[in-house]
Amino acid sequence: MSYILTLPFLIIGSVVLSNHQMLGFLTKIGDSENDGYRLKETQERVNSDSGVITPNHTIYLAVLTDISSSLYATTGYENLAAARLAIEDINADKTFLPGYHFDMLFKDDGCDMEIGLKALTNAYDNEENKKIRAVIGISCSVVCELAGYLCSSDQWNIPVVSHSCSSDDLSKTDKYPTFARLSLSVFKYTKSIIAICNRFNWIKVGLMVNNIDWYVKTAGKMKELMGTKENNGMLDIEVMLEKFYFDENSDDETSDTYQLLVEQLNRMKTKVRVIIIVGYARDIIFVLKTAMKQGMNNGHFAFITQEFIQADLNKEDKDLIQSIEGVIDLEPLLDKSDKNYISFSERVRKVVDQKQYPKTGKDANLVAAQMYDAVMLYAKALKTAVDNNHEIEDGERLVASMAKYAWTGMSGQIKIDVTGDRLGNVQVMNIQNGDFKQVGTWWMDRHLNESLTLSADNIIWPGAPEEAPAACGRQYELCETYSDAIAKITLMALVCAAFLFGLSIRLYLYNRTNK
C-alpha cells in the first residue's frame, strides 16, 4: 500500500511524535501492537453502508471514535452507531440538502496521539480517494488538538466537529479556526462547581489535575475563577492545587507514580475535605481507588468530577464500585425522558445489535447523542453555505457560520458560541451503587440568570454520612475561627509577657549581685 504525505504531515509528525520513531505513524490502520486494536475485517464491517443511490454530490465524513482503549471502547461503538443514524436521517430528508448524499469513512482514534494521527492521515489520504469534507467525533483532546492543527485553514481547511473533546485550548479560534464541539470544555464546568461549593459552604477545596499541559492550564484558570467572590460572584474559595501523574505503572503500589499520589492525597487530607478531580476517566479511577485505600471514603470527604459518566465501568469490580460511591459528577444536561431521546436510544441499540457491536447494557450514552448532533451541526453549516451559494470547501467559514445555531438535538438544548463551543446547562449526578442518579441542575441561562437547583437530601456521600462533608472538617479542625485567632494572639501575648517578666527578673538579680 502506498502513502501520500505532504510537507505539513512531515512537520507535524516530527513535532507531535518526537518521542516516537518518525515512520511509526505510516503503519496501516489495523497493524497496531495494541491488543484491543480491531482487525481489517472489523474495519470493513464498520465502513460498510446501506445501498443508497448517490445524488450529484457525495459528502464524505471521516468519523473518528475510540473502539480500542479499555475505558471508552464499548461506548465508542455506540458513538459509531449514532453517526450512522445521523447520516441515515440526513439522507432520508430529501428536502434538507437535495442533490447531496452523506457517507462516512470510519477510523479508530484509540484515544491516543499516535493512533489518532494514523487515523487522521489514513482517512484524509485514503485508498479509495474519497474527498473528506469534515472530521467528526474524536474521543480525546490530545487527538482533537492534533486534528485541529491539521484541519486548520492553512492546512486542510476542513471542519472538525467533536462530540467529546473538552480541552479549554480548543476554544482559541486563532489557533483552531475550523474547530467546533458538542461537548462542554472542562473550564465551562467551573461556575457549576462554585455554585455547589456555595450551597454547602465549601470555602476551601483541593484541585487534583492530571499533569497534562492543557489540563494544568485549565486547572489554573479554574483556581483563579474560584479564588474570589469578585471573580465568580458567589464565594471566596481557597484552592489547594496538586498535579498528579498517570502511566502504565500506576496500578503498581510500589511504583513512583502510585507513591507520589499517596503523598499528595495525604497532604490533601491535612488541608481539605472536598476534592475536585480533573482528568480522563482512567485518571479519576486512579485517584478514587487510591483515595479509598487511604481511608478517604470514611464520610468526611467529597469528590467532584466532570463527565466521568462516559467511562465503561465494570460493575463486577467491587473495589471500583466502592471507590466511586457518592461521587458528584457533572455533565451536559440530557433529559432521558424526552421521547426523541428514547427513540434515538432504541435506534442505537438496534444498530448495535445488527452490527454485532459490543453492548453497554444501558441506554445510549450522552456522548453518542452528542455524536449524532455533531454530524447534524456540520450538516446545518453545509446547508447554510449551499443555500447562500458559499464555498462548501472553506472549513473556517463553515465553522464561523455555526455560531448562530440553536436547536434541540438528541443531547438536549444546543447553542454554539463564537468560539465554536457548546453552551449548555449542566446536570449534577451522584453515583449510587455504580449508577449515575441526577440530583440537580446548573442552569446557565434560565431567565437570563445562572442558578442551581439541587436535591441535597437525595445525595449519598462517600462513606454514607448523614450530613454533607464539611469544608473545615466535622470539628472545624481545618479552619481557624475568630475565637481561634483571638486565642492564638492572647497566647502569644502571654508567652511574650512571661518571657519579658522572666528577663526582667534575671536582670534585677544580675544587677543586685554585681552591686
Protein backbone atom coordinates (compact mmCIF):
# COMPACT_ATOMS: atom_id res chain seq x y z
CA MET A 1 0.00 0.00 0.00
CA SER A 2 1.33 3.47 -0.87
CA TYR A 3 1.00 6.58 1.27
CA ILE A 4 0.86 10.22 0.19
CA LEU A 5 2.41 12.59 2.70
CA THR A 6 2.55 16.33 2.26
CA LEU A 7 5.11 18.60 3.88
CA PRO A 8 2.73 19.59 6.74
CA PHE A 9 2.45 15.91 7.63
CA LEU A 10 6.20 15.58 7.93
CA ILE A 11 6.37 18.70 10.06
CA ILE A 12 3.52 17.78 12.37
CA GLY A 13 4.76 14.20 12.58
CA SER A 14 8.19 15.29 13.74
CA VAL A 15 6.74 17.72 16.28
CA VAL A 16 3.95 15.63 17.73
CA LEU A 17 5.73 12.30 17.72
CA SER A 18 9.10 13.46 18.98
CA ASN A 19 9.22 10.53 21.37
CA HIS A 20 8.31 8.01 18.68
CA GLN A 21 10.04 6.85 15.55
CA MET A 22 9.26 9.20 12.70
CA LEU A 23 7.92 6.45 10.44
CA GLY A 24 5.81 4.91 13.18
CA PHE A 25 2.62 6.55 12.01
CA LEU A 26 2.97 5.07 8.49
CA THR A 27 1.72 1.77 9.89
CA LYS A 28 -1.56 0.82 8.26
CA ILE A 29 -4.65 1.01 10.48
CA GLY A 30 -5.13 -2.42 11.97
CA ASP A 31 -1.38 -3.16 12.30
CA SER A 32 -1.12 -1.58 15.76
CA GLU A 33 0.53 -3.52 18.55
CA ASN A 34 -2.39 -2.54 20.80
CA ASP A 35 -4.13 -5.81 21.73
CA GLY A 36 -7.51 -4.11 21.56
CA TYR A 37 -6.98 -2.84 18.03
CA ARG A 38 -9.52 -4.16 15.55
CA LEU A 39 -8.60 -6.31 12.59
CA LYS A 40 -9.18 -5.41 8.96
CA GLU A 41 -12.46 -7.28 8.69
CA THR A 42 -13.87 -5.27 11.62
CA GLN A 43 -12.83 -2.05 9.92
CA GLU A 44 -14.52 -3.14 6.68
CA ARG A 45 -17.67 -4.13 8.56
CA VAL A 46 -17.77 -0.74 10.24
CA ASN A 47 -17.22 1.15 6.97
CA SER A 48 -19.95 -0.69 5.09
CA ASP A 49 -23.02 1.42 4.36
CA SER A 50 -26.55 0.76 3.17
CA GLY A 51 -27.05 0.87 -0.56
CA VAL A 52 -28.44 4.32 -1.31
CA ILE A 53 -28.48 5.86 -4.77
CA THR A 54 -25.85 8.60 -4.78
CA PRO A 55 -27.10 12.02 -5.98
CA ASN A 56 -24.92 14.64 -7.66
CA HIS A 57 -22.64 15.34 -4.68
CA THR A 58 -21.37 12.87 -2.10
CA ILE A 59 -20.16 14.36 1.18
CA TYR A 60 -17.66 12.05 2.83
CA LEU A 61 -17.16 12.46 6.57
CA ALA A 62 -14.20 10.99 8.44
CA VAL A 63 -15.80 9.68 11.65
CA LEU A 64 -13.32 9.03 14.46
CA THR A 65 -14.04 7.48 17.82
CA ASP A 66 -12.32 5.14 20.23
CA ILE A 67 -13.13 1.42 19.96
CA SER A 68 -9.86 0.01 21.28
CA SER A 69 -8.96 1.52 24.68
CA SER A 70 -10.01 -0.09 27.94
CA LEU A 71 -12.35 2.67 29.13
CA TYR A 72 -14.16 4.01 26.06
CA ALA A 73 -14.25 1.11 23.58
CA THR A 74 -17.80 -0.12 24.22
CA THR A 75 -19.37 3.34 24.27
CA GLY A 76 -17.24 4.09 21.20
CA TYR A 77 -19.32 1.60 19.22
CA GLU A 78 -22.47 3.41 20.36
CA ASN A 79 -20.93 6.66 19.11
CA LEU A 80 -20.29 4.99 15.77
CA ALA A 81 -23.88 3.79 15.61
CA ALA A 82 -25.08 7.34 16.38
CA ALA A 83 -23.03 8.77 13.49
CA ARG A 84 -24.59 6.19 11.17
CA LEU A 85 -28.09 7.18 12.29
CA ALA A 86 -27.43 10.89 11.75
CA ILE A 87 -26.22 10.23 8.21
CA GLU A 88 -29.21 7.98 7.58
CA ASP A 89 -31.60 10.72 8.75
CA ILE A 90 -29.92 13.41 6.64
CA ASN A 91 -30.10 11.25 3.52
CA ALA A 92 -33.74 10.35 4.24
CA ASP A 93 -34.81 14.02 4.24
CA LYS A 94 -34.97 14.82 0.53
CA THR A 95 -35.75 18.49 1.22
CA PHE A 96 -32.81 19.17 3.55
CA LEU A 97 -29.93 19.13 1.05
CA PRO A 98 -31.35 17.98 -2.28
CA GLY A 99 -28.66 16.69 -4.59
CA TYR A 100 -26.33 15.81 -1.69
CA HIS A 101 -25.68 12.41 -0.18
CA PHE A 102 -23.71 11.84 3.04
CA ASP A 103 -21.36 8.91 3.56
CA MET A 104 -18.70 8.11 6.15
CA LEU A 105 -15.24 6.65 6.47
CA PHE A 106 -14.59 5.33 9.97
CA LYS A 107 -11.25 5.22 11.80
CA ASP A 108 -10.41 4.23 15.38
CA ASP A 109 -8.59 7.06 17.19
CA GLY A 110 -7.78 4.91 20.25
CA CYS A 111 -7.88 7.99 22.49
CA ASP A 112 -4.15 8.10 21.75
CA MET A 113 -1.97 10.64 19.94
CA GLU A 114 -0.07 8.19 17.74
CA ILE A 115 -3.09 6.05 16.86
CA GLY A 116 -5.08 9.23 16.29
CA LEU A 117 -2.51 10.63 13.89
CA LYS A 118 -2.57 7.39 11.91
CA ALA A 119 -6.36 7.54 11.81
CA LEU A 120 -6.40 11.14 10.57
CA THR A 121 -3.77 10.68 7.86
CA ASN A 122 -5.21 7.39 6.66
CA ALA A 123 -8.69 8.92 6.48
CA TYR A 124 -7.59 12.02 4.60
CA ASP A 125 -5.28 10.17 2.17
CA ASN A 126 -7.49 7.09 1.86
CA GLU A 127 -7.10 4.24 -0.61
CA GLU A 128 -10.47 4.93 -2.21
CA ASN A 129 -9.51 8.55 -2.96
CA LYS A 130 -12.65 9.76 -1.24
CA LYS A 131 -12.51 13.51 -0.63
CA ILE A 132 -13.03 14.09 3.09
CA ARG A 133 -15.15 17.20 3.75
CA ALA A 134 -15.06 17.14 7.56
CA VAL A 135 -13.75 15.22 10.55
CA ILE A 136 -16.48 14.25 13.01
CA GLY A 137 -16.06 12.86 16.53
CA ILE A 138 -12.66 12.18 18.14
CA SER A 139 -12.64 10.77 21.65
CA CYS A 140 -9.88 12.65 23.46
CA SER A 141 -8.46 16.16 23.46
CA VAL A 142 -4.92 15.05 22.69
CA VAL A 143 -6.19 13.85 19.28
CA CYS A 144 -8.58 16.81 18.87
CA GLU A 145 -5.75 19.30 19.23
CA LEU A 146 -3.80 17.40 16.59
CA ALA A 147 -6.82 17.31 14.28
CA GLY A 148 -7.47 20.98 14.94
CA TYR A 149 -3.98 21.78 13.67
CA LEU A 150 -4.13 19.52 10.60
CA CYS A 151 -7.59 20.74 9.62
CA SER A 152 -6.93 24.45 10.21
CA SER A 153 -7.38 26.99 7.43
CA ASP A 154 -3.70 27.00 6.42
CA GLN A 155 -3.60 23.18 6.19
CA TRP A 156 -6.56 21.03 5.07
CA ASN A 157 -9.13 23.75 5.86
CA ILE A 158 -11.95 21.37 6.74
CA PRO A 159 -14.21 21.47 9.82
CA VAL A 160 -13.56 19.33 12.89
CA VAL A 161 -16.76 18.84 14.90
CA SER A 162 -16.07 16.89 18.07
CA HIS A 163 -18.61 15.02 20.18
CA SER A 164 -16.33 14.57 23.18
CA CYS A 165 -13.19 16.74 23.46
CA SER A 166 -13.03 19.12 26.42
CA SER A 167 -9.65 20.91 26.28
CA ASP A 168 -10.03 24.60 27.04
CA ASP A 169 -7.29 25.30 24.48
CA LEU A 170 -9.63 24.23 21.70
CA SER A 171 -11.69 27.40 22.28
CA LYS A 172 -8.86 29.51 20.81
CA THR A 173 -10.14 30.46 17.38
CA ASP A 174 -6.78 31.91 16.31
CA LYS A 175 -5.19 28.51 16.88
CA TYR A 176 -8.10 26.24 15.88
CA PRO A 177 -10.28 28.27 13.45
CA THR A 178 -12.02 25.21 11.98
CA PHE A 179 -12.90 23.51 15.28
CA ALA A 180 -16.32 23.22 16.94
CA ARG A 181 -17.75 20.82 19.51
CA LEU A 182 -20.89 19.47 21.10
CA SER A 183 -19.22 18.75 24.44
CA LEU A 184 -18.54 21.34 27.14
CA SER A 185 -14.98 22.41 27.85
CA VAL A 186 -13.70 21.50 31.31
CA PHE A 187 -13.45 25.17 32.26
CA LYS A 188 -17.13 25.75 31.49
CA TYR A 189 -18.00 23.50 34.44
CA THR A 190 -16.28 25.84 36.90
CA LYS A 191 -19.31 28.03 37.64
CA SER A 192 -21.42 24.95 38.46
CA ILE A 193 -18.67 23.72 40.82
CA ILE A 194 -18.59 27.09 42.56
CA ALA A 195 -22.41 27.00 42.90
CA ILE A 196 -22.21 23.58 44.58
CA CYS A 197 -19.46 24.83 46.91
CA ASN A 198 -21.63 27.83 47.74
CA ARG A 199 -24.60 25.55 48.51
CA PHE A 200 -22.58 23.55 51.09
CA ASN A 201 -20.36 26.46 52.22
CA TRP A 202 -17.21 24.70 51.00
CA ILE A 203 -14.80 27.60 51.41
CA LYS A 204 -11.70 25.52 50.77
CA VAL A 205 -11.18 22.69 48.27
CA GLY A 206 -8.47 20.57 46.74
CA LEU A 207 -7.98 20.52 42.97
CA MET A 208 -6.17 17.43 41.68
CA VAL A 209 -5.25 17.62 38.00
CA ASN A 210 -3.50 15.25 35.61
CA ASN A 211 -0.12 16.72 34.68
CA ILE A 212 -1.07 17.09 31.01
CA ASP A 213 -0.34 20.57 29.71
CA TRP A 214 -3.88 21.60 28.73
CA TYR A 215 -5.37 20.14 31.92
CA VAL A 216 -2.86 22.06 34.05
CA LYS A 217 -3.60 25.33 32.21
CA THR A 218 -7.34 24.78 32.65
CA ALA A 219 -6.92 23.97 36.36
CA GLY A 220 -5.01 27.24 36.77
CA LYS A 221 -7.93 29.17 35.23
CA MET A 222 -10.38 27.28 37.43
CA LYS A 223 -8.40 28.14 40.55
CA GLU A 224 -8.30 31.81 39.57
CA LEU A 225 -12.06 31.98 38.98
CA MET A 226 -12.85 30.10 42.19
CA GLY A 227 -10.47 32.21 44.24
CA THR A 228 -12.54 35.31 44.88
CA LYS A 229 -16.20 36.27 45.02
CA GLU A 230 -15.27 39.33 42.99
CA ASN A 231 -14.36 36.98 40.08
CA ASN A 232 -17.15 34.43 40.34
CA GLY A 233 -19.99 36.38 42.00
CA MET A 234 -20.69 33.69 44.60
CA LEU A 235 -17.95 32.68 47.03
CA ASP A 236 -14.33 33.13 48.07
CA ILE A 237 -12.78 29.64 47.83
CA GLU A 238 -9.29 28.71 48.96
CA VAL A 239 -7.92 26.23 46.42
CA MET A 240 -5.07 23.78 47.03
CA LEU A 241 -3.79 22.50 43.67
CA GLU A 242 -1.85 19.26 43.15
CA LYS A 243 -0.61 17.88 39.81
CA PHE A 244 -0.53 14.10 39.68
CA TYR A 245 0.80 11.66 37.09
CA PHE A 246 -0.65 8.61 35.36
CA ASP A 247 1.31 5.96 33.47
CA GLU A 248 1.27 2.25 32.71
CA ASN A 249 2.67 1.51 36.19
CA SER A 250 0.05 3.46 38.11
CA ASP A 251 -1.70 0.36 39.45
CA ASP A 252 1.57 -0.94 40.92
CA GLU A 253 1.58 0.20 44.55
CA THR A 254 5.38 0.06 44.59
CA SER A 255 5.73 2.42 41.60
CA ASP A 256 6.90 6.01 41.96
CA THR A 257 3.66 7.22 40.32
CA TYR A 258 1.49 5.48 42.88
CA GLN A 259 3.65 6.50 45.85
CA LEU A 260 3.62 10.15 44.71
CA LEU A 261 -0.19 10.15 44.56
CA VAL A 262 -0.33 8.66 48.07
CA GLU A 263 1.88 11.51 49.32
CA GLN A 264 -0.32 14.08 47.57
CA LEU A 265 -3.54 12.64 48.97
CA ASN A 266 -2.09 12.51 52.48
CA ARG A 267 -1.10 16.15 52.07
CA MET A 268 -4.64 16.93 50.90
CA LYS A 269 -6.12 15.19 53.95
CA THR A 270 -4.43 17.67 56.26
CA LYS A 271 -5.81 20.67 54.36
CA VAL A 272 -9.20 19.95 52.74
CA ARG A 273 -12.26 17.72 52.81
CA VAL A 274 -13.55 18.45 49.28
CA ILE A 275 -11.51 17.30 46.26
CA ILE A 276 -12.17 18.14 42.60
CA ILE A 277 -10.52 15.71 40.16
CA VAL A 278 -9.66 16.94 36.65
CA GLY A 279 -8.54 14.31 34.16
CA TYR A 280 -9.55 11.44 31.93
CA ALA A 281 -11.74 8.62 33.29
CA ARG A 282 -8.66 6.45 33.90
CA ASP A 283 -7.14 9.29 35.98
CA ILE A 284 -10.32 9.71 38.01
CA ILE A 285 -10.45 5.98 38.77
CA PHE A 286 -6.76 6.01 39.75
CA VAL A 287 -7.29 8.85 42.23
CA LEU A 288 -10.53 7.47 43.69
CA LYS A 289 -9.20 3.93 44.16
CA THR A 290 -6.05 5.25 45.80
CA ALA A 291 -8.07 7.62 48.00
CA MET A 292 -10.19 4.68 49.19
CA LYS A 293 -7.05 2.78 50.16
CA GLN A 294 -6.02 5.81 52.20
CA GLY A 295 -9.32 5.68 54.09
CA MET A 296 -10.81 8.75 52.43
CA ASN A 297 -14.26 7.22 51.83
CA ASN A 298 -14.96 7.44 55.57
CA GLY A 299 -17.78 10.00 55.46
CA HIS A 300 -15.52 13.05 55.82
CA PHE A 301 -14.66 13.69 52.15
CA ALA A 302 -16.50 14.73 48.99
CA PHE A 303 -15.25 14.23 45.42
CA ILE A 304 -16.34 16.12 42.29
CA THR A 305 -15.62 15.03 38.69
CA GLN A 306 -16.66 16.08 35.18
CA GLU A 307 -18.12 13.74 32.52
CA PHE A 308 -16.97 10.61 34.35
CA ILE A 309 -20.23 9.06 33.15
CA GLN A 310 -18.60 8.49 29.73
CA ALA A 311 -16.41 5.68 31.06
CA ASP A 312 -17.09 1.97 30.69
CA LEU A 313 -17.34 0.91 34.34
CA ASN A 314 -17.08 -2.75 35.28
CA LYS A 315 -19.80 -3.29 37.88
CA GLU A 316 -18.27 -6.66 38.73
CA ASP A 317 -15.22 -4.81 40.11
CA LYS A 318 -16.33 -4.37 43.72
CA ASP A 319 -13.33 -2.22 44.65
CA LEU A 320 -14.09 0.13 41.76
CA ILE A 321 -17.79 0.44 42.65
CA GLN A 322 -16.93 1.08 46.30
CA SER A 323 -14.31 3.70 45.42
CA ILE A 324 -16.67 5.75 43.21
CA GLU A 325 -19.68 5.57 45.56
CA GLY A 326 -21.04 9.01 46.43
CA VAL A 327 -19.01 10.93 43.85
CA ILE A 328 -20.62 14.06 42.36
CA ASP A 329 -20.24 14.05 38.56
CA LEU A 330 -21.10 16.95 36.25
CA GLU A 331 -22.16 16.57 32.63
CA PRO A 332 -24.26 18.37 29.99
CA LEU A 333 -27.97 18.24 30.79
CA LEU A 334 -29.81 15.45 28.99
CA ASP A 335 -33.49 14.69 29.51
CA LYS A 336 -33.65 10.91 29.17
CA SER A 337 -37.45 11.05 29.45
CA ASP A 338 -37.64 13.03 26.21
CA LYS A 339 -39.43 10.99 23.55
CA ASN A 340 -36.86 11.90 20.88
CA TYR A 341 -34.02 10.68 23.06
CA ILE A 342 -35.90 7.47 23.93
CA SER A 343 -36.47 6.80 20.22
CA PHE A 344 -32.84 7.63 19.45
CA SER A 345 -31.60 5.32 22.20
CA GLU A 346 -33.73 2.46 20.86
CA ARG A 347 -32.37 3.04 17.36
CA VAL A 348 -28.80 3.00 18.65
CA ARG A 349 -29.44 -0.31 20.41
CA LYS A 350 -30.87 -1.70 17.16
CA VAL A 351 -27.77 -0.72 15.16
CA VAL A 352 -25.52 -2.16 17.87
CA ASP A 353 -27.45 -5.44 17.66
CA GLN A 354 -27.47 -5.53 13.85
CA LYS A 355 -23.75 -4.82 13.57
CA GLN A 356 -22.98 -7.14 16.49
CA TYR A 357 -21.09 -4.39 18.29
CA PRO A 358 -20.23 -4.84 21.99
CA LYS A 359 -23.08 -3.74 24.28
CA THR A 360 -23.03 -1.50 27.34
CA GLY A 361 -26.23 -2.90 28.80
CA LYS A 362 -27.72 0.57 29.32
CA ASP A 363 -29.40 3.37 27.39
CA ALA A 364 -27.36 5.05 24.69
CA ASN A 365 -24.81 7.24 26.42
CA LEU A 366 -24.79 11.04 26.35
CA VAL A 367 -21.71 11.14 24.14
CA ALA A 368 -23.47 9.05 21.49
CA ALA A 369 -26.22 11.67 21.42
CA GLN A 370 -23.53 14.34 21.05
CA MET A 371 -22.01 12.37 18.15
CA TYR A 372 -25.38 12.45 16.38
CA ASP A 373 -25.62 16.20 16.97
CA ALA A 374 -22.03 16.73 15.78
CA VAL A 375 -22.93 15.28 12.38
CA MET A 376 -26.06 17.44 12.33
CA LEU A 377 -24.13 20.58 13.22
CA TYR A 378 -21.83 20.12 10.24
CA ALA A 379 -24.81 19.35 8.00
CA LYS A 380 -26.55 22.57 9.11
CA ALA A 381 -23.42 24.59 8.31
CA LEU A 382 -23.15 22.92 4.91
CA LYS A 383 -26.81 23.71 4.17
CA THR A 384 -26.23 27.37 5.08
CA ALA A 385 -23.30 27.52 2.65
CA VAL A 386 -25.25 25.81 -0.14
CA ASP A 387 -28.36 27.98 0.37
CA ASN A 388 -26.22 31.13 0.21
CA ASN A 389 -24.03 29.97 -2.69
CA HIS A 390 -20.94 30.00 -0.46
CA GLU A 391 -17.90 27.82 -0.97
CA ILE A 392 -18.55 24.48 0.76
CA GLU A 393 -14.83 23.70 0.97
CA ASP A 394 -13.99 26.70 3.16
CA GLY A 395 -13.80 24.99 6.56
CA GLU A 396 -13.16 28.18 8.52
CA ARG A 397 -16.21 29.89 7.05
CA LEU A 398 -18.39 26.84 7.70
CA VAL A 399 -17.39 26.74 11.36
CA ALA A 400 -17.83 30.50 11.75
CA SER A 401 -21.41 30.16 10.49
CA MET A 402 -22.19 27.67 13.29
CA ALA A 403 -22.15 30.44 15.91
CA LYS A 404 -25.76 31.41 15.18
CA TYR A 405 -27.21 27.93 15.58
CA ALA A 406 -29.53 26.98 18.43
CA TRP A 407 -31.76 23.92 18.42
CA THR A 408 -32.86 20.95 20.49
CA GLY A 409 -30.81 17.95 19.49
CA MET A 410 -30.55 14.39 20.72
CA SER A 411 -28.24 15.61 23.50
CA GLY A 412 -30.62 18.36 24.65
CA GLN A 413 -30.64 22.11 24.10
CA ILE A 414 -27.74 23.27 21.94
CA LYS A 415 -26.26 26.72 21.47
CA ILE A 416 -22.94 27.32 19.73
CA ASP A 417 -20.92 30.40 20.65
CA VAL A 418 -18.43 32.40 18.58
CA THR A 419 -15.55 30.12 19.62
CA GLY A 420 -17.33 27.03 18.30
CA ASP A 421 -18.06 25.88 21.85
CA ARG A 422 -21.34 24.50 23.06
CA LEU A 423 -23.17 26.50 25.70
CA GLY A 424 -25.43 24.35 27.80
CA ASN A 425 -26.96 23.54 31.15
CA VAL A 426 -25.21 21.10 33.47
CA GLN A 427 -26.79 18.18 35.29
CA VAL A 428 -25.45 17.20 38.70
CA MET A 429 -25.15 13.43 39.03
CA ASN A 430 -24.50 11.33 42.13
CA ILE A 431 -23.01 7.84 41.81
CA GLN A 432 -25.07 5.34 43.80
CA ASN A 433 -24.27 1.61 43.60
CA GLY A 434 -22.44 2.20 40.33
CA ASP A 435 -25.35 4.09 38.74
CA PHE A 436 -25.47 7.82 37.96
CA LYS A 437 -28.52 9.48 39.53
CA GLN A 438 -29.48 13.07 38.72
CA VAL A 439 -29.73 15.18 41.88
CA GLY A 440 -29.61 18.69 40.47
CA THR A 441 -29.13 21.08 37.57
CA TRP A 442 -26.97 24.13 36.96
CA TRP A 443 -28.94 26.43 34.69
CA MET A 444 -26.65 28.64 32.64
CA ASP A 445 -29.37 30.71 31.03
CA ARG A 446 -32.63 30.23 32.92
CA HIS A 447 -34.41 33.60 32.66
CA LEU A 448 -31.01 35.07 31.69
CA ASN A 449 -29.71 34.24 35.17
CA GLU A 450 -27.46 31.41 36.31
CA SER A 451 -28.89 29.28 39.11
CA LEU A 452 -28.53 25.92 40.83
CA THR A 453 -31.33 23.55 41.76
CA LEU A 454 -30.16 20.70 43.98
CA SER A 455 -31.90 17.91 45.91
CA ALA A 456 -29.32 17.68 48.67
CA ASP A 457 -31.36 15.13 50.62
CA ASN A 458 -31.08 12.67 47.73
CA ILE A 459 -27.28 12.76 47.65
CA ILE A 460 -25.32 9.84 49.05
CA TRP A 461 -21.82 10.91 50.11
CA PRO A 462 -18.74 8.65 50.22
CA GLY A 463 -19.00 6.61 53.41
CA ALA A 464 -22.75 7.43 53.69
CA PRO A 465 -22.61 10.09 56.44
CA GLU A 466 -25.88 11.69 57.49
CA GLU A 467 -24.63 15.15 56.59
CA ALA A 468 -22.57 16.54 53.75
CA PRO A 469 -18.81 16.70 54.33
CA ALA A 470 -17.70 19.96 55.92
CA ALA A 471 -15.00 22.01 54.22
CA CYS A 472 -13.30 22.69 57.55
CA GLY A 473 -13.89 19.21 58.96
CA ARG A 474 -16.61 18.00 61.31
CA GLN A 475 -14.82 19.57 64.29
CA TYR A 476 -13.73 22.63 62.31
CA GLU A 477 -10.21 21.30 62.66
CA LEU A 478 -9.01 22.58 59.26
CA CYS A 479 -10.11 26.18 59.63
CA GLU A 480 -9.34 28.97 62.04
CA THR A 481 -12.28 30.75 63.66
CA TYR A 482 -12.26 34.30 65.01
CA SER A 483 -12.08 32.95 68.55
CA ASP A 484 -9.19 30.68 67.50
CA ALA A 485 -7.33 33.70 66.19
CA ILE A 486 -8.01 35.68 69.40
CA ALA A 487 -6.89 32.71 71.48
CA LYS A 488 -3.65 32.44 69.49
CA ILE A 489 -2.97 36.16 69.83
CA THR A 490 -3.73 36.02 73.56
CA LEU A 491 -1.45 33.01 73.99
CA MET A 492 1.35 34.71 72.10
CA ALA A 493 0.88 37.84 74.23
CA LEU A 494 1.06 35.77 77.44
CA VAL A 495 4.18 33.98 76.24
CA CYS A 496 5.82 37.28 75.38
CA ALA A 497 4.78 38.77 78.74
CA ALA A 498 6.15 35.76 80.59
CA PHE A 499 9.38 35.97 78.65
CA LEU A 500 9.76 39.70 79.39
CA PHE A 501 8.86 39.16 83.05
CA GLY A 502 11.44 36.41 83.32
CA LEU A 503 14.02 38.55 81.59
CA SER A 504 13.35 41.49 83.91
CA ILE A 505 13.75 39.23 86.99
CA ARG A 506 17.08 37.92 85.66
CA LEU A 507 18.29 41.46 85.02
CA TYR A 508 17.17 42.54 88.51
CA LEU A 509 19.01 39.65 90.17
CA TYR A 510 22.06 40.24 88.00
CA ASN A 511 22.21 43.88 88.97
CA ARG A 512 21.84 43.11 92.69
CA THR A 513 24.64 40.53 92.55
CA ASN A 514 27.06 42.91 90.88
CA LYS A 515 26.47 45.89 93.19
